[in-house]
């Protein structure tokens, strides 16, 4: 099992989850975070820290978010995505985007 960052994170990029991850398995891109599924130890601590509810167990992914398992795996392997080991400010318009649905087209790789 692993944990997966889903669509709710796009354009927000809250990093509260990063501070509690004992394995430093979060990576960041321009407007999204991913969890490296090969490094995640399934502790679930990050889930409660996400203010927009963007993190799920791969077993509990909503059907319309299942594709994010592969997106996390793909982007975690991309050398352009850098490891994030401490929290930083969310994106400037995070409050505007927090409740918006269907943001996949905005994902910057």
PDB file of N, CA and C in Angstrom:
ATOM      1  N   UNK A   1       0.843  -1.174   0.000  1.00  0.00           N
ATOM      2  CA  UNK A   1       0.000   0.000   0.000  1.00  0.00           C
ATOM      3  C   UNK A   1       0.889   1.238   0.000  1.00  0.00           C
ATOM      4  N   UNK A   2       0.392   2.298  -0.610  1.00  0.00           N
ATOM      5  CA  UNK A   2       1.064   3.587  -0.600  1.00  0.00           C
ATOM      6  C   UNK A   2      -0.003   4.670  -0.497  1.00  0.00           C
ATOM      7  N   UNK A   3       0.431   5.865  -0.281  1.00  0.00           N
ATOM      8  CA  UNK A   3      -0.479   6.999  -0.258  1.00  0.00           C
ATOM      9  C   UNK A   3      -0.267   7.820  -1.513  1.00  0.00           C
ATOM     10  N   UNK A   4      -1.323   8.490  -1.937  1.00  0.00           N
ATOM     11  CA  UNK A   4      -1.359   9.140  -3.236  1.00  0.00           C
ATOM     12  C   UNK A   4      -1.892  10.558  -3.088  1.00  0.00           C
ATOM     13  N   UNK A   5      -1.218  11.507  -3.718  1.00  0.00           N
ATOM     14  CA  UNK A   5      -1.713  12.883  -3.774  1.00  0.00           C
ATOM     15  C   UNK A   5      -2.619  12.983  -4.993  1.00  0.00           C
ATOM     16  N   UNK A   6      -3.800  13.562  -4.801  1.00  0.00           N
ATOM     17  CA  UNK A   6      -4.796  13.618  -5.867  1.00  0.00           C
ATOM     18  C   UNK A   6      -5.046  15.050  -6.335  1.00  0.00           C
ATOM     19  N   UNK A   7      -6.024  15.168  -7.195  1.00  0.00           N
ATOM     20  CA  UNK A   7      -6.336  16.406  -7.905  1.00  0.00           C
ATOM     21  C   UNK A   7      -6.534  17.631  -7.012  1.00  0.00           C
ATOM     22  N   UNK A   8      -7.029  17.458  -5.817  1.00  0.00           N
ATOM     23  CA  UNK A   8      -7.287  18.609  -4.943  1.00  0.00           C
ATOM     24  C   UNK A   8      -6.030  19.420  -4.662  1.00  0.00           C
ATOM     25  N   UNK A   9      -4.872  18.824  -4.812  1.00  0.00           N
ATOM     26  CA  UNK A   9      -3.602  19.519  -4.552  1.00  0.00           C
ATOM     27  C   UNK A   9      -3.209  20.480  -5.682  1.00  0.00           C
ATOM     28  N   UNK A  10      -3.686  20.224  -6.879  1.00  0.00           N
ATOM     29  CA  UNK A  10      -3.291  21.039  -8.031  1.00  0.00           C
ATOM     30  C   UNK A  10      -3.689  22.497  -7.807  1.00  0.00           C
ATOM     31  N   UNK A  11      -2.753  23.379  -8.040  1.00  0.00           N
ATOM     32  CA  UNK A  11      -2.905  24.831  -7.915  1.00  0.00           C
ATOM     33  C   UNK A  11      -2.940  25.300  -6.454  1.00  0.00           C
ATOM     34  N   UNK A  12      -2.847  24.387  -5.499  1.00  0.00           N
ATOM     35  CA  UNK A  12      -2.821  24.766  -4.082  1.00  0.00           C
ATOM     36  C   UNK A  12      -1.424  24.527  -3.510  1.00  0.00           C
ATOM     37  N   UNK A  13      -1.002  23.286  -3.603  1.00  0.00           N
ATOM     38  CA  UNK A  13       0.312  22.838  -3.133  1.00  0.00           C
ATOM     39  C   UNK A  13       0.567  23.216  -1.672  1.00  0.00           C
ATOM     40  N   UNK A  14      -0.383  22.838  -0.824  1.00  0.00           N
ATOM     41  CA  UNK A  14      -0.145  22.967   0.614  1.00  0.00           C
ATOM     42  C   UNK A  14       0.943  21.967   0.976  1.00  0.00           C
ATOM     43  N   UNK A  15       1.787  22.306   1.912  1.00  0.00           N
ATOM     44  CA  UNK A  15       2.892  21.408   2.245  1.00  0.00           C
ATOM     45  C   UNK A  15       2.907  20.998   3.714  1.00  0.00           C
ATOM     46  N   UNK A  16       1.794  21.133   4.383  1.00  0.00           N
ATOM     47  CA  UNK A  16       1.693  20.703   5.775  1.00  0.00           C
ATOM     48  C   UNK A  16       2.081  19.228   5.914  1.00  0.00           C
ATOM     49  N   UNK A  17       1.739  18.443   4.907  1.00  0.00           N
ATOM     50  CA  UNK A  17       2.018  17.012   4.887  1.00  0.00           C
ATOM     51  C   UNK A  17       3.517  16.707   4.911  1.00  0.00           C
ATOM     52  N   UNK A  18       4.290  17.569   4.323  1.00  0.00           N
ATOM     53  CA  UNK A  18       5.727  17.351   4.198  1.00  0.00           C
ATOM     54  C   UNK A  18       6.402  17.340   5.571  1.00  0.00           C
ATOM     55  N   UNK A  19       5.971  18.224   6.454  1.00  0.00           N
ATOM     56  CA  UNK A  19       6.593  18.320   7.781  1.00  0.00           C
ATOM     57  C   UNK A  19       6.457  17.062   8.608  1.00  0.00           C
ATOM     58  N   UNK A  20       5.425  16.271   8.367  1.00  0.00           N
ATOM     59  CA  UNK A  20       5.188  15.092   9.201  1.00  0.00           C
ATOM     60  C   UNK A  20       5.672  13.791   8.570  1.00  0.00           C
ATOM     61  N   UNK A  21       6.109  13.837   7.330  1.00  0.00           N
ATOM     62  CA  UNK A  21       6.527  12.613   6.643  1.00  0.00           C
ATOM     63  C   UNK A  21       7.879  12.137   7.179  1.00  0.00           C
ATOM     64  N   UNK A  22       7.911  10.951   7.797  1.00  0.00           N
ATOM     65  CA  UNK A  22       9.171  10.471   8.363  1.00  0.00           C
ATOM     66  C   UNK A  22      10.177  10.004   7.300  1.00  0.00           C
ATOM     67  N   UNK A  23       9.727   9.822   6.078  1.00  0.00           N
ATOM     68  CA  UNK A  23      10.592   9.309   5.015  1.00  0.00           C
ATOM     69  C   UNK A  23      10.973  10.354   3.972  1.00  0.00           C
ATOM     70  N   UNK A  24      10.486  11.580   4.116  1.00  0.00           N
ATOM     71  CA  UNK A  24      10.757  12.622   3.117  1.00  0.00           C
ATOM     72  C   UNK A  24      10.456  12.122   1.708  1.00  0.00           C
ATOM     73  N   UNK A  25       9.274  11.558   1.505  1.00  0.00           N
ATOM     74  CA  UNK A  25       8.962  10.989   0.193  1.00  0.00           C
ATOM     75  C   UNK A  25       8.066  11.884  -0.665  1.00  0.00           C
ATOM     76  N   UNK A  26       7.936  13.158  -0.290  1.00  0.00           N
ATOM     77  CA  UNK A  26       7.189  14.102  -1.117  1.00  0.00           C
ATOM     78  C   UNK A  26       8.132  14.788  -2.093  1.00  0.00           C
ATOM     79  N   UNK A  27       7.657  14.962  -3.307  1.00  0.00           N
ATOM     80  CA  UNK A  27       8.398  15.699  -4.329  1.00  0.00           C
ATOM     81  C   UNK A  27       7.478  16.796  -4.839  1.00  0.00           C
ATOM     82  N   UNK A  28       8.087  17.894  -5.293  1.00  0.00           N
ATOM     83  CA  UNK A  28       7.257  18.993  -5.760  1.00  0.00           C
ATOM     84  C   UNK A  28       7.566  19.380  -7.190  1.00  0.00           C
ATOM     85  N   UNK A  29       6.504  19.738  -7.860  1.00  0.00           N
ATOM     86  CA  UNK A  29       6.581  20.303  -9.186  1.00  0.00           C
ATOM     87  C   UNK A  29       6.049  21.728  -9.113  1.00  0.00           C
ATOM     88  N   UNK A  30       5.806  22.331 -10.250  1.00  0.00           N
ATOM     89  CA  UNK A  30       5.387  23.726 -10.270  1.00  0.00           C
ATOM     90  C   UNK A  30       4.088  24.015  -9.507  1.00  0.00           C
ATOM     91  N   UNK A  31       3.101  23.117  -9.596  1.00  0.00           N
ATOM     92  CA  UNK A  31       1.825  23.406  -8.936  1.00  0.00           C
ATOM     93  C   UNK A  31       1.164  22.173  -8.315  1.00  0.00           C
ATOM     94  N   UNK A  32       1.992  21.207  -7.898  1.00  0.00           N
ATOM     95  CA  UNK A  32       1.456  19.944  -7.382  1.00  0.00           C
ATOM     96  C   UNK A  32       2.547  19.229  -6.596  1.00  0.00           C
ATOM     97  N   UNK A  33       2.128  18.384  -5.664  1.00  0.00           N
ATOM     98  CA  UNK A  33       3.047  17.513  -4.930  1.00  0.00           C
ATOM     99  C   UNK A  33       2.736  16.068  -5.297  1.00  0.00           C
ATOM    100  N   UNK A  34       3.722  15.203  -5.185  1.00  0.00           N
ATOM    101  CA  UNK A  34       3.489  13.769  -5.337  1.00  0.00           C
ATOM    102  C   UNK A  34       4.203  13.037  -4.211  1.00  0.00           C
ATOM    103  N   UNK A  35       3.770  11.812  -3.986  1.00  0.00           N
ATOM    104  CA  UNK A  35       4.415  10.926  -3.028  1.00  0.00           C
ATOM    105  C   UNK A  35       5.125   9.837  -3.824  1.00  0.00           C
ATOM    106  N   UNK A  36       6.381   9.607  -3.513  1.00  0.00           N
ATOM    107  CA  UNK A  36       7.107   8.527  -4.160  1.00  0.00           C
ATOM    108  C   UNK A  36       6.568   7.212  -3.602  1.00  0.00           C
ATOM    109  N   UNK A  37       5.878   6.420  -4.418  1.00  0.00           N
ATOM    110  CA  UNK A  37       5.252   5.196  -3.905  1.00  0.00           C
ATOM    111  C   UNK A  37       6.258   4.125  -3.482  1.00  0.00           C
ATOM    112  N   UNK A  38       7.484   4.222  -3.959  1.00  0.00           N
ATOM    113  CA  UNK A  38       8.504   3.238  -3.578  1.00  0.00           C
ATOM    114  C   UNK A  38       9.158   3.567  -2.245  1.00  0.00           C
ATOM    115  N   UNK A  39       8.938   4.772  -1.750  1.00  0.00           N
ATOM    116  CA  UNK A  39       9.537   5.194  -0.483  1.00  0.00           C
ATOM    117  C   UNK A  39       8.528   5.356   0.643  1.00  0.00           C
ATOM    118  N   UNK A  40       7.261   5.475   0.291  1.00  0.00           N
ATOM    119  CA  UNK A  40       6.208   5.654   1.295  1.00  0.00           C
ATOM    120  C   UNK A  40       6.124   4.403   2.173  1.00  0.00           C
ATOM    121  N   UNK A  41       6.096   4.598   3.499  1.00  0.00           N
ATOM    122  CA  UNK A  41       6.018   3.460   4.422  1.00  0.00           C
ATOM    123  C   UNK A  41       4.594   3.256   4.956  1.00  0.00           C
ATOM    124  N   UNK A  42       3.642   3.915   4.339  1.00  0.00           N
ATOM    125  CA  UNK A  42       2.230   3.709   4.657  1.00  0.00           C
ATOM    126  C   UNK A  42       1.849   4.111   6.076  1.00  0.00           C
ATOM    127  N   UNK A  43       2.499   5.125   6.596  1.00  0.00           N
ATOM    128  CA  UNK A  43       2.215   5.517   7.981  1.00  0.00           C
ATOM    129  C   UNK A  43       0.916   6.310   8.109  1.00  0.00           C
ATOM    130  N   UNK A  44       0.470   6.945   7.039  1.00  0.00           N
ATOM    131  CA  UNK A  44      -0.781   7.713   6.957  1.00  0.00           C
ATOM    132  C   UNK A  44      -0.784   9.031   7.724  1.00  0.00           C
ATOM    133  N   UNK A  45       0.316   9.420   8.300  1.00  0.00           N
ATOM    134  CA  UNK A  45       0.361  10.664   9.076  1.00  0.00           C
ATOM    135  C   UNK A  45       0.017  11.867   8.207  1.00  0.00           C
ATOM    136  N   UNK A  46       0.413  11.835   6.951  1.00  0.00           N
ATOM    137  CA  UNK A  46       0.210  12.974   6.049  1.00  0.00           C
ATOM    138  C   UNK A  46      -1.261  13.237   5.740  1.00  0.00           C
ATOM    139  N   UNK A  47      -2.079  12.207   5.775  1.00  0.00           N
ATOM    140  CA  UNK A  47      -3.477  12.329   5.368  1.00  0.00           C
ATOM    141  C   UNK A  47      -4.202  13.410   6.168  1.00  0.00           C
ATOM    142  N   UNK A  48      -4.082  13.366   7.468  1.00  0.00           N
ATOM    143  CA  UNK A  48      -4.782  14.331   8.323  1.00  0.00           C
ATOM    144  C   UNK A  48      -4.227  15.740   8.211  1.00  0.00           C
ATOM    145  N   UNK A  49      -3.008  15.872   7.734  1.00  0.00           N
ATOM    146  CA  UNK A  49      -2.381  17.195   7.637  1.00  0.00           C
ATOM    147  C   UNK A  49      -2.817  17.986   6.414  1.00  0.00           C
ATOM    148  N   UNK A  50      -3.363  17.335   5.411  1.00  0.00           N
ATOM    149  CA  UNK A  50      -3.731  18.020   4.169  1.00  0.00           C
ATOM    150  C   UNK A  50      -5.034  18.798   4.361  1.00  0.00           C
ATOM    151  N   UNK A  51      -4.985  20.122   4.249  1.00  0.00           N
ATOM    152  CA  UNK A  51      -6.188  20.919   4.492  1.00  0.00           C
ATOM    153  C   UNK A  51      -7.266  20.786   3.423  1.00  0.00           C
ATOM    154  N   UNK A  52      -6.937  20.206   2.270  1.00  0.00           N
ATOM    155  CA  UNK A  52      -7.940  20.035   1.213  1.00  0.00           C
ATOM    156  C   UNK A  52      -8.294  18.568   0.976  1.00  0.00           C
ATOM    157  N   UNK A  53      -7.809  17.682   1.815  1.00  0.00           N
ATOM    158  CA  UNK A  53      -8.144  16.262   1.692  1.00  0.00           C
ATOM    159  C   UNK A  53      -7.672  15.636   0.393  1.00  0.00           C
ATOM    160  N   UNK A  54      -6.457  15.972  -0.024  1.00  0.00           N
ATOM    161  CA  UNK A  54      -5.934  15.506  -1.309  1.00  0.00           C
ATOM    162  C   UNK A  54      -5.178  14.183  -1.228  1.00  0.00           C
ATOM    163  N   UNK A  55      -4.955  13.640  -0.032  1.00  0.00           N
ATOM    164  CA  UNK A  55      -4.123  12.445   0.103  1.00  0.00           C
ATOM    165  C   UNK A  55      -4.983  11.253   0.533  1.00  0.00           C
ATOM    166  N   UNK A  56      -4.832  10.160  -0.217  1.00  0.00           N
ATOM    167  CA  UNK A  56      -5.587   8.939   0.034  1.00  0.00           C
ATOM    168  C   UNK A  56      -4.665   7.733  -0.003  1.00  0.00           C
ATOM    169  N   UNK A  57      -5.064   6.687   0.700  1.00  0.00           N
ATOM    170  CA  UNK A  57      -4.430   5.379   0.532  1.00  0.00           C
ATOM    171  C   UNK A  57      -4.767   4.903  -0.876  1.00  0.00           C
ATOM    172  N   UNK A  58      -3.863   4.169  -1.498  1.00  0.00           N
ATOM    173  CA  UNK A  58      -4.162   3.664  -2.837  1.00  0.00           C
ATOM    174  C   UNK A  58      -5.377   2.727  -2.821  1.00  0.00           C
ATOM    175  N   UNK A  59      -5.683   2.136  -1.677  1.00  0.00           N
ATOM    176  CA  UNK A  59      -6.848   1.256  -1.563  1.00  0.00           C
ATOM    177  C   UNK A  59      -8.153   2.034  -1.414  1.00  0.00           C
ATOM    178  N   UNK A  60      -8.050   3.297  -0.999  1.00  0.00           N
ATOM    179  CA  UNK A  60      -9.235   4.118  -0.746  1.00  0.00           C
ATOM    180  C   UNK A  60      -9.426   5.235  -1.763  1.00  0.00           C
ATOM    181  N   UNK A  61      -8.662   5.199  -2.845  1.00  0.00           N
ATOM    182  CA  UNK A  61      -8.792   6.244  -3.860  1.00  0.00           C
ATOM    183  C   UNK A  61     -10.199   6.248  -4.445  1.00  0.00           C
ATOM    184  N   UNK A  62     -10.822   7.429  -4.511  1.00  0.00           N
ATOM    185  CA  UNK A  62     -12.118   7.486  -5.200  1.00  0.00           C
ATOM    186  C   UNK A  62     -11.926   7.054  -6.658  1.00  0.00           C
ATOM    187  N   UNK A  63     -12.919   6.419  -7.252  1.00  0.00           N
ATOM    188  CA  UNK A  63     -12.778   5.929  -8.628  1.00  0.00           C
ATOM    189  C   UNK A  63     -12.316   7.001  -9.619  1.00  0.00           C
ATOM    190  N   UNK A  64     -12.791   8.228  -9.452  1.00  0.00           N
ATOM    191  CA  UNK A  64     -12.410   9.278 -10.390  1.00  0.00           C
ATOM    192  C   UNK A  64     -11.005   9.832 -10.140  1.00  0.00           C
ATOM    193  N   UNK A  65     -10.309   9.298  -9.136  1.00  0.00           N
ATOM    194  CA  UNK A  65      -8.950   9.741  -8.814  1.00  0.00           C
ATOM    195  C   UNK A  65      -7.924   8.614  -8.962  1.00  0.00           C
ATOM    196  N   UNK A  66      -8.333   7.450  -9.407  1.00  0.00           N
ATOM    197  CA  UNK A  66      -7.426   6.290  -9.517  1.00  0.00           C
ATOM    198  C   UNK A  66      -6.220   6.567 -10.407  1.00  0.00           C
ATOM    199  N   UNK A  67      -6.397   7.382 -11.434  1.00  0.00           N
ATOM    200  CA  UNK A  67      -5.290   7.683 -12.341  1.00  0.00           C
ATOM    201  C   UNK A  67      -4.153   8.435 -11.651  1.00  0.00           C
ATOM    202  N   UNK A  68      -4.411   8.994 -10.474  1.00  0.00           N
ATOM    203  CA  UNK A  68      -3.354   9.708  -9.757  1.00  0.00           C
ATOM    204  C   UNK A  68      -2.315   8.767  -9.156  1.00  0.00           C
ATOM    205  N   UNK A  69      -2.632   7.512  -9.019  1.00  0.00           N
ATOM    206  CA  UNK A  69      -1.624   6.547  -8.568  1.00  0.00           C
ATOM    207  C   UNK A  69      -0.487   6.498  -9.587  1.00  0.00           C
ATOM    208  N   UNK A  70      -0.821   6.382 -10.858  1.00  0.00           N
ATOM    209  CA  UNK A  70       0.204   6.362 -11.902  1.00  0.00           C
ATOM    210  C   UNK A  70       0.855   7.735 -12.071  1.00  0.00           C
ATOM    211  N   UNK A  71       0.094   8.796 -11.929  1.00  0.00           N
ATOM    212  CA  UNK A  71       0.668  10.153 -12.032  1.00  0.00           C
ATOM    213  C   UNK A  71       1.709  10.356 -10.945  1.00  0.00           C
ATOM    214  N   UNK A  72       1.413   9.943  -9.706  1.00  0.00           N
ATOM    215  CA  UNK A  72       2.392  10.068  -8.616  1.00  0.00           C
ATOM    216  C   UNK A  72       3.646   9.271  -8.938  1.00  0.00           C
ATOM    217  N   UNK A  73       3.477   8.044  -9.411  1.00  0.00           N
ATOM    218  CA  UNK A  73       4.621   7.179  -9.737  1.00  0.00           C
ATOM    219  C   UNK A  73       5.469   7.812 -10.845  1.00  0.00           C
ATOM    220  N   UNK A  74       4.820   8.275 -11.886  1.00  0.00           N
ATOM    221  CA  UNK A  74       5.521   8.870 -13.030  1.00  0.00           C
ATOM    222  C   UNK A  74       6.290  10.131 -12.630  1.00  0.00           C
ATOM    223  N   UNK A  75       5.629  11.033 -11.928  1.00  0.00           N
ATOM    224  CA  UNK A  75       6.278  12.302 -11.588  1.00  0.00           C
ATOM    225  C   UNK A  75       7.333  12.144 -10.495  1.00  0.00           C
ATOM    226  N   UNK A  76       7.166  11.167  -9.614  1.00  0.00           N
ATOM    227  CA  UNK A  76       8.186  10.922  -8.585  1.00  0.00           C
ATOM    228  C   UNK A  76       9.494  10.457  -9.217  1.00  0.00           C
ATOM    229  N   UNK A  77       9.416   9.843 -10.383  1.00  0.00           N
ATOM    230  CA  UNK A  77      10.617   9.380 -11.086  1.00  0.00           C
ATOM    231  C   UNK A  77      11.228  10.446 -11.993  1.00  0.00           C
ATOM    232  N   UNK A  78      10.543  11.553 -12.156  1.00  0.00           N
ATOM    233  CA  UNK A  78      11.025  12.632 -13.029  1.00  0.00           C
ATOM    234  C   UNK A  78      12.099  13.431 -12.296  1.00  0.00           C
ATOM    235  N   UNK A  79      13.310  13.512 -12.828  1.00  0.00           N
ATOM    236  CA  UNK A  79      14.389  14.234 -12.140  1.00  0.00           C
ATOM    237  C   UNK A  79      14.134  15.733 -11.975  1.00  0.00           C
ATOM    238  N   UNK A  80      13.188  16.267 -12.715  1.00  0.00           N
ATOM    239  CA  UNK A  80      12.855  17.686 -12.569  1.00  0.00           C
ATOM    240  C   UNK A  80      12.056  17.942 -11.289  1.00  0.00           C
ATOM    241  N   UNK A  81      11.427  16.912 -10.758  1.00  0.00           N
ATOM    242  CA  UNK A  81      10.644  17.053  -9.530  1.00  0.00           C
ATOM    243  C   UNK A  81      11.589  16.838  -8.352  1.00  0.00           C
ATOM    244  N   UNK A  82      11.668  17.826  -7.478  1.00  0.00           N
ATOM    245  CA  UNK A  82      12.645  17.824  -6.391  1.00  0.00           C
ATOM    246  C   UNK A  82      12.022  17.412  -5.066  1.00  0.00           C
ATOM    247  N   UNK A  83      12.824  16.711  -4.290  1.00  0.00           N
ATOM    248  CA  UNK A  83      12.400  16.278  -2.952  1.00  0.00           C
ATOM    249  C   UNK A  83      12.139  17.504  -2.088  1.00  0.00           C
ATOM    250  N   UNK A  84      11.078  17.437  -1.335  1.00  0.00           N
ATOM    251  CA  UNK A  84      10.701  18.521  -0.431  1.00  0.00           C
ATOM    252  C   UNK A  84      10.728  17.949   0.978  1.00  0.00           C
ATOM    253  N   UNK A  85      11.539  18.527   1.844  1.00  0.00           N
ATOM    254  CA  UNK A  85      11.671  17.959   3.187  1.00  0.00           C
ATOM    255  C   UNK A  85      11.153  18.878   4.295  1.00  0.00           C
ATOM    256  N   UNK A  86      10.706  20.065   3.926  1.00  0.00           N
ATOM    257  CA  UNK A  86      10.059  20.928   4.931  1.00  0.00           C
ATOM    258  C   UNK A  86       9.001  21.766   4.251  1.00  0.00           C
ATOM    259  N   UNK A  87       8.038  22.175   5.045  1.00  0.00           N
ATOM    260  CA  UNK A  87       6.901  22.929   4.517  1.00  0.00           C
ATOM    261  C   UNK A  87       7.334  24.295   4.004  1.00  0.00           C
ATOM    262  N   UNK A  88       6.559  24.791   3.060  1.00  0.00           N
ATOM    263  CA  UNK A  88       6.746  26.139   2.552  1.00  0.00           C
ATOM    264  C   UNK A  88       5.367  26.718   2.281  1.00  0.00           C
ATOM    265  N   UNK A  89       5.320  27.948   1.889  1.00  0.00           N
ATOM    266  CA  UNK A  89       4.034  28.602   1.652  1.00  0.00           C
ATOM    267  C   UNK A  89       3.301  27.936   0.478  1.00  0.00           C
ATOM    268  N   UNK A  90       1.965  27.867   0.565  1.00  0.00           N
ATOM    269  CA  UNK A  90       1.209  27.345  -0.575  1.00  0.00           C
ATOM    270  C   UNK A  90       1.281  28.334  -1.749  1.00  0.00           C
ATOM    271  N   UNK A  91       0.763  27.927  -2.873  1.00  0.00           N
ATOM    272  CA  UNK A  91       0.758  28.807  -4.038  1.00  0.00           C
ATOM    273  C   UNK A  91      -0.070  30.061  -3.759  1.00  0.00           C
ATOM    274  N   UNK A  92       0.242  31.164  -4.418  1.00  0.00           N
ATOM    275  CA  UNK A  92      -0.412  32.445  -4.117  1.00  0.00           C
ATOM    276  C   UNK A  92      -1.939  32.429  -4.161  1.00  0.00           C
ATOM    277  N   UNK A  93      -2.543  31.751  -5.106  1.00  0.00           N
ATOM    278  CA  UNK A  93      -4.007  31.729  -5.214  1.00  0.00           C
ATOM    279  C   UNK A  93      -4.633  30.465  -4.621  1.00  0.00           C
ATOM    280  N   UNK A  94      -3.949  29.847  -3.670  1.00  0.00           N
ATOM    281  CA  UNK A  94      -4.409  28.561  -3.126  1.00  0.00           C
ATOM    282  C   UNK A  94      -5.841  28.602  -2.618  1.00  0.00           C
ATOM    283  N   UNK A  95      -6.252  29.675  -1.980  1.00  0.00           N
ATOM    284  CA  UNK A  95      -7.616  29.736  -1.434  1.00  0.00           C
ATOM    285  C   UNK A  95      -8.656  29.715  -2.547  1.00  0.00           C
ATOM    286  N   UNK A  96      -8.355  30.371  -3.647  1.00  0.00           N
ATOM    287  CA  UNK A  96      -9.257  30.394  -4.807  1.00  0.00           C
ATOM    288  C   UNK A  96      -9.434  28.999  -5.395  1.00  0.00           C
ATOM    289  N   UNK A  97      -8.357  28.203  -5.407  1.00  0.00           N
ATOM    290  CA  UNK A  97      -8.371  26.904  -6.055  1.00  0.00           C
ATOM    291  C   UNK A  97      -8.745  25.742  -5.132  1.00  0.00           C
ATOM    292  N   UNK A  98      -8.751  25.956  -3.839  1.00  0.00           N
ATOM    293  CA  UNK A  98      -8.943  24.855  -2.886  1.00  0.00           C
ATOM    294  C   UNK A  98     -10.206  24.035  -3.127  1.00  0.00           C
ATOM    295  N   UNK A  99     -11.299  24.652  -3.490  1.00  0.00           N
ATOM    296  CA  UNK A  99     -12.550  23.919  -3.677  1.00  0.00           C
ATOM    297  C   UNK A  99     -12.897  23.608  -5.118  1.00  0.00           C
ATOM    298  N   UNK A 100     -12.025  23.947  -6.043  1.00  0.00           N
ATOM    299  CA  UNK A 100     -12.299  23.726  -7.463  1.00  0.00           C
ATOM    300  C   UNK A 100     -12.084  22.259  -7.833  1.00  0.00           C
ATOM    301  N   UNK A 101     -12.978  21.719  -8.612  1.00  0.00           N
ATOM    302  CA  UNK A 101     -12.887  20.337  -9.091  1.00  0.00           C
ATOM    303  C   UNK A 101     -12.359  20.324 -10.524  1.00  0.00           C
ATOM    304  N   UNK A 102     -12.018  19.152 -11.006  1.00  0.00           N
ATOM    305  CA  UNK A 102     -11.587  18.966 -12.399  1.00  0.00           C
ATOM    306  C   UNK A 102     -10.425  19.874 -12.777  1.00  0.00           C
ATOM    307  N   UNK A 103      -9.320  19.749 -12.048  1.00  0.00           N
ATOM    308  CA  UNK A 103      -8.137  20.590 -12.285  1.00  0.00           C
ATOM    309  C   UNK A 103      -7.001  19.855 -13.000  1.00  0.00           C
ATOM    310  N   UNK A 104      -7.214  18.632 -13.409  1.00  0.00           N
ATOM    311  CA  UNK A 104      -6.131  17.858 -14.012  1.00  0.00           C
ATOM    312  C   UNK A 104      -5.503  18.591 -15.206  1.00  0.00           C
ATOM    313  N   UNK A 105      -6.294  19.274 -15.984  1.00  0.00           N
ATOM    314  CA  UNK A 105      -5.752  19.978 -17.161  1.00  0.00           C
ATOM    315  C   UNK A 105      -4.784  21.095 -16.766  1.00  0.00           C
ATOM    316  N   UNK A 106      -4.790  21.484 -15.495  1.00  0.00           N
ATOM    317  CA  UNK A 106      -3.912  22.554 -15.013  1.00  0.00           C
ATOM    318  C   UNK A 106      -2.595  22.018 -14.464  1.00  0.00           C
ATOM    319  N   UNK A 107      -2.482  20.694 -14.330  1.00  0.00           N
ATOM    320  CA  UNK A 107      -1.265  20.096 -13.782  1.00  0.00           C
ATOM    321  C   UNK A 107      -0.065  20.420 -14.661  1.00  0.00           C
ATOM    322  N   UNK A 108       0.923  21.059 -14.063  1.00  0.00           N
ATOM    323  CA  UNK A 108       2.151  21.396 -14.785  1.00  0.00           C
ATOM    324  C   UNK A 108       3.191  20.329 -14.453  1.00  0.00           C
ATOM    325  N   UNK A 109       3.684  19.687 -15.479  1.00  0.00           N
ATOM    326  CA  UNK A 109       4.652  18.616 -15.301  1.00  0.00           C
ATOM    327  C   UNK A 109       6.033  19.173 -15.459  1.00  0.00           C
TER     328      UNK A 109
END
